[in-house]
Amino acid sequence: MTDLYDVTTTPHRKLGELLLAAGKLSPPDLQRALQVQQSVGGRIGELLIRLGLVSEADVYAALSQQSGIPLVRLEAFPTTQPDWGPLNPAFLIAHHALPLGDVRVDDPTLVFVSSDPQNPVLVQGLQVALGHPPNLRFGLESEIMQRHNEWLQTADDLVEEGDVGGVSGATEFIEHLRDLASEAPIIRRVNDIVDKAVALRGRP
């Protein structure tokens, strides 16, 4: 099985139509979701997931088919945290994105995975940092954040063991953690790690 799923582009078909054709969604459920969308707004794919009408994996498979952008699943993600290079990890987390290898500005082949690979802010931000257009793929938001949390847990374990300098230098490590703390969903956890790391280094 390949890491990147081959897809057939169907840009003129709506997401709901693709899910109906794949047998992942019933017409009444689609109508229900569209009614909710008219009331509260938002993207139909996100609403389908939140309403429990379609699985996250099925929605992203349909988005991949619709756009022609391959889908990368969790098993293809790096298990160890890559070198961020010139990138701020907080930027990647905020946009539910991660690299599939060490980030180097001279490597245009490096693949990035994101829950929204067509987000212009993400695309432009990566292009400015890397100096070339980024190579982006779809990834499930839950799987991307699962891997980020696993990397964060590894950082926490290193701090618990007193191995702050073993990552990439104590100061840089702590500053990266402070950057990560700007992402609200994990701010408490990151701040706890920062406090431990600072205490180990003997800072006030």
C-alpha atoms as a PDB file:
ATOM      1  CA  MET A   1       0.000   0.000   0.000  1.00  0.00           C
ATOM      2  CA  THR A   2       1.360   3.412  -0.923  1.00  0.00           C
ATOM      3  CA  ASP A   3       1.609   6.275   1.557  1.00  0.00           C
ATOM      4  CA  LEU A   4      -0.099   8.707  -0.788  1.00  0.00           C
ATOM      5  CA  TYR A   5      -3.476   7.619  -2.038  1.00  0.00           C
ATOM      6  CA  ASP A   6      -3.985   7.943  -5.789  1.00  0.00           C
ATOM      7  CA  VAL A   7      -7.069   9.950  -6.669  1.00  0.00           C
ATOM      8  CA  THR A   8      -9.135  10.826  -9.697  1.00  0.00           C
ATOM      9  CA  THR A   9      -9.887  14.529  -9.927  1.00  0.00           C
ATOM     10  CA  THR A  10     -13.573  15.460 -10.038  1.00  0.00           C
ATOM     11  CA  PRO A  11     -13.456  19.247  -9.543  1.00  0.00           C
ATOM     12  CA  HIS A  12     -16.975  19.933 -10.810  1.00  0.00           C
ATOM     13  CA  ARG A  13     -18.733  17.623  -8.360  1.00  0.00           C
ATOM     14  CA  LYS A  14     -19.765  18.897  -4.964  1.00  0.00           C
ATOM     15  CA  LEU A  15     -18.565  17.168  -1.828  1.00  0.00           C
ATOM     16  CA  GLY A  16     -22.060  15.967  -0.954  1.00  0.00           C
ATOM     17  CA  GLU A  17     -22.491  14.445  -4.406  1.00  0.00           C
ATOM     18  CA  LEU A  18     -19.226  12.535  -4.081  1.00  0.00           C
ATOM     19  CA  LEU A  19     -20.227  11.154  -0.691  1.00  0.00           C
ATOM     20  CA  LEU A  20     -23.630  10.152  -2.049  1.00  0.00           C
ATOM     21  CA  ALA A  21     -22.032   8.404  -5.025  1.00  0.00           C
ATOM     22  CA  ALA A  22     -19.644   6.547  -2.709  1.00  0.00           C
ATOM     23  CA  GLY A  23     -22.517   5.352  -0.546  1.00  0.00           C
ATOM     24  CA  LYS A  24     -21.162   7.185   2.488  1.00  0.00           C
ATOM     25  CA  LEU A  25     -24.124   9.524   2.868  1.00  0.00           C
ATOM     26  CA  SER A  26     -27.874   9.248   2.346  1.00  0.00           C
ATOM     27  CA  PRO A  27     -29.921  11.945   0.559  1.00  0.00           C
ATOM     28  CA  PRO A  28     -31.983  12.725   3.706  1.00  0.00           C
ATOM     29  CA  ASP A  29     -28.812  13.165   5.768  1.00  0.00           C
ATOM     30  CA  LEU A  30     -27.303  15.442   3.134  1.00  0.00           C
ATOM     31  CA  GLN A  31     -30.458  17.541   3.114  1.00  0.00           C
ATOM     32  CA  ARG A  32     -30.348  17.747   6.890  1.00  0.00           C
ATOM     33  CA  ALA A  33     -26.734  18.927   6.823  1.00  0.00           C
ATOM     34  CA  LEU A  34     -27.501  21.523   4.149  1.00  0.00           C
ATOM     35  CA  GLN A  35     -30.318  22.902   6.291  1.00  0.00           C
ATOM     36  CA  VAL A  36     -27.950  23.199   9.239  1.00  0.00           C
ATOM     37  CA  GLN A  37     -25.415  24.910   6.990  1.00  0.00           C
ATOM     38  CA  GLN A  38     -28.005  27.489   5.938  1.00  0.00           C
ATOM     39  CA  SER A  39     -28.688  28.245   9.602  1.00  0.00           C
ATOM     40  CA  VAL A  40     -25.190  28.327  11.078  1.00  0.00           C
ATOM     41  CA  GLY A  41     -22.859  28.555   8.083  1.00  0.00           C
ATOM     42  CA  GLY A  42     -19.591  26.676   7.877  1.00  0.00           C
ATOM     43  CA  ARG A  43     -18.197  24.095   5.509  1.00  0.00           C
ATOM     44  CA  ILE A  44     -20.398  21.162   4.638  1.00  0.00           C
ATOM     45  CA  GLY A  45     -17.627  18.637   5.298  1.00  0.00           C
ATOM     46  CA  GLU A  46     -17.033  19.914   8.820  1.00  0.00           C
ATOM     47  CA  LEU A  47     -20.767  19.895   9.517  1.00  0.00           C
ATOM     48  CA  LEU A  48     -21.146  16.324   8.288  1.00  0.00           C
ATOM     49  CA  ILE A  49     -18.387  15.217  10.656  1.00  0.00           C
ATOM     50  CA  ARG A  50     -19.753  17.161  13.628  1.00  0.00           C
ATOM     51  CA  LEU A  51     -23.258  15.838  13.045  1.00  0.00           C
ATOM     52  CA  GLY A  52     -21.885  12.305  12.972  1.00  0.00           C
ATOM     53  CA  LEU A  53     -23.301  11.672   9.512  1.00  0.00           C
ATOM     54  CA  VAL A  54     -19.996  10.822   7.810  1.00  0.00           C
ATOM     55  CA  SER A  55     -16.636   9.783   9.212  1.00  0.00           C
ATOM     56  CA  GLU A  56     -13.715  12.187   9.076  1.00  0.00           C
ATOM     57  CA  ALA A  57     -11.793   9.717   6.907  1.00  0.00           C
ATOM     58  CA  ASP A  58     -14.610   9.511   4.352  1.00  0.00           C
ATOM     59  CA  VAL A  59     -14.936  13.300   4.158  1.00  0.00           C
ATOM     60  CA  TYR A  60     -11.215  13.760   3.543  1.00  0.00           C
ATOM     61  CA  ALA A  61     -11.164  10.959   0.986  1.00  0.00           C
ATOM     62  CA  ALA A  62     -13.916  12.799  -0.893  1.00  0.00           C
ATOM     63  CA  LEU A  63     -12.072  16.129  -0.598  1.00  0.00           C
ATOM     64  CA  SER A  64      -8.979  14.435  -1.986  1.00  0.00           C
ATOM     65  CA  GLN A  65     -10.968  13.054  -4.902  1.00  0.00           C
ATOM     66  CA  GLN A  66     -12.624  16.403  -5.531  1.00  0.00           C
ATOM     67  CA  SER A  67      -9.382  18.396  -5.563  1.00  0.00           C
ATOM     68  CA  GLY A  68      -6.940  15.857  -6.947  1.00  0.00           C
ATOM     69  CA  ILE A  69      -4.696  16.450  -3.917  1.00  0.00           C
ATOM     70  CA  PRO A  70      -3.515  13.110  -2.460  1.00  0.00           C
ATOM     71  CA  LEU A  71      -4.449  12.097   1.070  1.00  0.00           C
ATOM     72  CA  VAL A  72      -1.753  11.036   3.532  1.00  0.00           C
ATOM     73  CA  ARG A  73      -2.709   8.983   6.583  1.00  0.00           C
ATOM     74  CA  LEU A  74      -1.178   8.711  10.039  1.00  0.00           C
ATOM     75  CA  GLU A  75       0.988   5.683   9.271  1.00  0.00           C
ATOM     76  CA  ALA A  76       3.004   7.792   6.807  1.00  0.00           C
ATOM     77  CA  PHE A  77       3.709  10.586   9.329  1.00  0.00           C
ATOM     78  CA  PRO A  78       7.157  10.746  10.983  1.00  0.00           C
ATOM     79  CA  THR A  79       7.179   9.127  14.408  1.00  0.00           C
ATOM     80  CA  THR A  80       9.934  11.428  15.663  1.00  0.00           C
ATOM     81  CA  GLN A  81       9.660  15.193  15.493  1.00  0.00           C
ATOM     82  CA  PRO A  82      11.399  16.571  12.382  1.00  0.00           C
ATOM     83  CA  ASP A  83      13.788  19.493  12.398  1.00  0.00           C
ATOM     84  CA  TRP A  84      11.551  22.554  11.959  1.00  0.00           C
ATOM     85  CA  GLY A  85      14.250  24.477  10.082  1.00  0.00           C
ATOM     86  CA  PRO A  86      13.097  28.069   9.479  1.00  0.00           C
ATOM     87  CA  LEU A  87       9.487  27.302  10.400  1.00  0.00           C
ATOM     88  CA  ASN A  88       7.726  28.242  13.609  1.00  0.00           C
ATOM     89  CA  PRO A  89       6.000  25.079  14.892  1.00  0.00           C
ATOM     90  CA  ALA A  90       3.161  27.199  16.278  1.00  0.00           C
ATOM     91  CA  PHE A  91       2.337  28.274  12.716  1.00  0.00           C
ATOM     92  CA  LEU A  92       2.076  24.655  11.593  1.00  0.00           C
ATOM     93  CA  ILE A  93      -0.042  23.632  14.575  1.00  0.00           C
ATOM     94  CA  ALA A  94      -2.368  26.602  14.121  1.00  0.00           C
ATOM     95  CA  HIS A  95      -2.972  25.498  10.524  1.00  0.00           C
ATOM     96  CA  HIS A  96      -3.168  21.778  11.365  1.00  0.00           C
ATOM     97  CA  ALA A  97      -0.101  20.994   9.286  1.00  0.00           C
ATOM     98  CA  LEU A  98       3.120  19.040   9.664  1.00  0.00           C
ATOM     99  CA  PRO A  99       6.151  18.151   7.523  1.00  0.00           C
ATOM    100  CA  LEU A 100       6.896  14.569   6.519  1.00  0.00           C
ATOM    101  CA  GLY A 101      10.606  15.104   7.119  1.00  0.00           C
ATOM    102  CA  ASP A 102      13.240  17.611   8.212  1.00  0.00           C
ATOM    103  CA  VAL A 103      12.524  21.095   6.876  1.00  0.00           C
ATOM    104  CA  ARG A 104      15.228  22.467   4.586  1.00  0.00           C
ATOM    105  CA  VAL A 105      14.820  25.514   2.371  1.00  0.00           C
ATOM    106  CA  ASP A 106      16.737  23.788  -0.437  1.00  0.00           C
ATOM    107  CA  ASP A 107      14.402  20.769  -0.553  1.00  0.00           C
ATOM    108  CA  PRO A 108      11.357  21.495  -2.758  1.00  0.00           C
ATOM    109  CA  THR A 109      10.376  17.807  -2.671  1.00  0.00           C
ATOM    110  CA  LEU A 110       9.505  17.810   1.041  1.00  0.00           C
ATOM    111  CA  VAL A 111       5.814  17.061   1.549  1.00  0.00           C
ATOM    112  CA  PHE A 112       3.666  18.911   4.071  1.00  0.00           C
ATOM    113  CA  VAL A 113       0.346  17.503   5.239  1.00  0.00           C
ATOM    114  CA  SER A 114      -2.554  19.744   6.236  1.00  0.00           C
ATOM    115  CA  SER A 115      -6.263  19.452   6.891  1.00  0.00           C
ATOM    116  CA  ASP A 116      -6.644  22.404   4.498  1.00  0.00           C
ATOM    117  CA  PRO A 117      -3.782  22.324   1.974  1.00  0.00           C
ATOM    118  CA  GLN A 118      -5.414  25.028  -0.139  1.00  0.00           C
ATOM    119  CA  ASN A 119      -5.528  27.558   2.700  1.00  0.00           C
ATOM    120  CA  PRO A 120      -3.866  30.653   1.170  1.00  0.00           C
ATOM    121  CA  VAL A 121      -2.407  31.779   4.511  1.00  0.00           C
ATOM    122  CA  LEU A 122      -0.690  28.413   4.970  1.00  0.00           C
ATOM    123  CA  VAL A 123       0.487  28.230   1.362  1.00  0.00           C
ATOM    124  CA  GLN A 124       1.846  31.783   1.327  1.00  0.00           C
ATOM    125  CA  GLY A 125       3.430  31.461   4.764  1.00  0.00           C
ATOM    126  CA  LEU A 126       5.295  28.304   3.796  1.00  0.00           C
ATOM    127  CA  GLN A 127       6.372  29.801   0.483  1.00  0.00           C
ATOM    128  CA  VAL A 128       7.826  32.871   2.192  1.00  0.00           C
ATOM    129  CA  ALA A 129       9.681  30.756   4.760  1.00  0.00           C
ATOM    130  CA  LEU A 130      10.971  28.173   2.282  1.00  0.00           C
ATOM    131  CA  GLY A 131      11.571  30.370  -0.741  1.00  0.00           C
ATOM    132  CA  HIS A 132       9.616  28.076  -3.045  1.00  0.00           C
ATOM    133  CA  PRO A 133       6.031  26.804  -3.407  1.00  0.00           C
ATOM    134  CA  PRO A 134       5.246  24.158  -0.768  1.00  0.00           C
ATOM    135  CA  ASN A 135       4.349  20.594  -1.667  1.00  0.00           C
ATOM    136  CA  LEU A 136       1.072  20.088   0.213  1.00  0.00           C
ATOM    137  CA  ARG A 137      -1.167  17.061   0.740  1.00  0.00           C
ATOM    138  CA  PHE A 138      -4.397  16.396   2.594  1.00  0.00           C
ATOM    139  CA  GLY A 139      -4.300  14.859   6.057  1.00  0.00           C
ATOM    140  CA  LEU A 140      -6.999  14.180   8.632  1.00  0.00           C
ATOM    141  CA  GLU A 141      -7.061  16.966  11.206  1.00  0.00           C
ATOM    142  CA  SER A 142      -7.399  14.482  14.070  1.00  0.00           C
ATOM    143  CA  GLU A 143      -4.382  12.473  12.902  1.00  0.00           C
ATOM    144  CA  ILE A 144      -2.234  15.571  12.388  1.00  0.00           C
ATOM    145  CA  MET A 145      -2.999  16.826  15.884  1.00  0.00           C
ATOM    146  CA  GLN A 146      -2.488  13.345  17.321  1.00  0.00           C
ATOM    147  CA  ARG A 147       1.055  13.312  15.959  1.00  0.00           C
ATOM    148  CA  HIS A 148       1.760  16.847  17.217  1.00  0.00           C
ATOM    149  CA  ASN A 149       0.564  15.817  20.668  1.00  0.00           C
ATOM    150  CA  GLU A 150       2.798  12.742  20.573  1.00  0.00           C
ATOM    151  CA  TRP A 151       5.791  14.940  19.748  1.00  0.00           C
ATOM    152  CA  LEU A 152       4.792  17.257  22.561  1.00  0.00           C
ATOM    153  CA  GLN A 153       4.605  14.302  24.941  1.00  0.00           C
ATOM    154  CA  THR A 154       8.136  13.341  23.914  1.00  0.00           C
ATOM    155  CA  ALA A 155       9.281  16.871  24.751  1.00  0.00           C
ATOM    156  CA  ASP A 156       7.567  16.577  28.125  1.00  0.00           C
ATOM    157  CA  ASP A 157       9.320  13.266  28.786  1.00  0.00           C
ATOM    158  CA  LEU A 158      12.714  14.786  27.927  1.00  0.00           C
ATOM    159  CA  VAL A 159      12.090  17.621  30.352  1.00  0.00           C
ATOM    160  CA  GLU A 160      11.048  15.166  33.067  1.00  0.00           C
ATOM    161  CA  GLU A 161      14.337  13.330  32.501  1.00  0.00           C
ATOM    162  CA  GLY A 162      16.283  16.591  32.660  1.00  0.00           C
ATOM    163  CA  ASP A 163      17.402  16.263  29.031  1.00  0.00           C
ATOM    164  CA  VAL A 164      16.391  19.751  27.895  1.00  0.00           C
ATOM    165  CA  GLY A 165      19.607  20.329  25.982  1.00  0.00           C
ATOM    166  CA  GLY A 166      19.364  17.022  24.190  1.00  0.00           C
ATOM    167  CA  VAL A 167      16.834  18.296  21.673  1.00  0.00           C
ATOM    168  CA  SER A 168      18.412  21.238  19.869  1.00  0.00           C
ATOM    169  CA  GLY A 169      19.857  23.410  22.608  1.00  0.00           C
ATOM    170  CA  ALA A 170      18.071  24.367  25.805  1.00  0.00           C
ATOM    171  CA  THR A 171      17.322  27.975  24.918  1.00  0.00           C
ATOM    172  CA  GLU A 172      15.978  27.163  21.457  1.00  0.00           C
ATOM    173  CA  PHE A 173      13.960  24.280  22.879  1.00  0.00           C
ATOM    174  CA  ILE A 174      12.264  26.439  25.497  1.00  0.00           C
ATOM    175  CA  GLU A 175      11.592  29.226  23.000  1.00  0.00           C
ATOM    176  CA  HIS A 176       9.927  26.745  20.656  1.00  0.00           C
ATOM    177  CA  LEU A 177       7.731  25.631  23.523  1.00  0.00           C
ATOM    178  CA  ARG A 178       6.802  29.235  24.230  1.00  0.00           C
ATOM    179  CA  ASP A 179       5.837  29.633  20.574  1.00  0.00           C
ATOM    180  CA  LEU A 180       3.661  26.552  20.808  1.00  0.00           C
ATOM    181  CA  ALA A 181       1.905  28.014  23.839  1.00  0.00           C
ATOM    182  CA  SER A 182       0.208  30.549  21.560  1.00  0.00           C
ATOM    183  CA  GLU A 183      -2.004  27.756  20.235  1.00  0.00           C
ATOM    184  CA  ALA A 184      -4.981  27.856  22.621  1.00  0.00           C
ATOM    185  CA  PRO A 185      -6.018  24.150  22.663  1.00  0.00           C
ATOM    186  CA  ILE A 186      -2.659  23.067  24.074  1.00  0.00           C
ATOM    187  CA  ILE A 187      -1.573  26.200  25.934  1.00  0.00           C
ATOM    188  CA  ARG A 188      -1.918  24.734  29.441  1.00  0.00           C
ATOM    189  CA  ARG A 189       0.056  21.623  28.604  1.00  0.00           C
ATOM    190  CA  VAL A 190       2.837  23.542  26.867  1.00  0.00           C
ATOM    191  CA  ASN A 191       3.097  26.060  29.690  1.00  0.00           C
ATOM    192  CA  ASP A 192       3.528  23.190  32.149  1.00  0.00           C
ATOM    193  CA  ILE A 193       6.432  21.855  30.081  1.00  0.00           C
ATOM    194  CA  VAL A 194       7.972  25.328  29.821  1.00  0.00           C
ATOM    195  CA  ASP A 195       7.786  25.747  33.603  1.00  0.00           C
ATOM    196  CA  LYS A 196       9.516  22.407  34.126  1.00  0.00           C
ATOM    197  CA  ALA A 197      12.216  23.206  31.567  1.00  0.00           C
ATOM    198  CA  VAL A 198      12.907  26.631  33.038  1.00  0.00           C
ATOM    199  CA  ALA A 199      13.085  25.180  36.544  1.00  0.00           C
ATOM    200  CA  LEU A 200      15.601  22.579  35.396  1.00  0.00           C
ATOM    201  CA  ARG A 201      17.786  25.295  33.920  1.00  0.00           C
ATOM    202  CA  GLY A 202      17.718  27.238  37.177  1.00  0.00           C
ATOM    203  CA  ARG A 203      16.029  30.315  35.771  1.00  0.00           C
ATOM    204  CA  PRO A 204      13.866  32.494  38.037  1.00  0.00           C
END
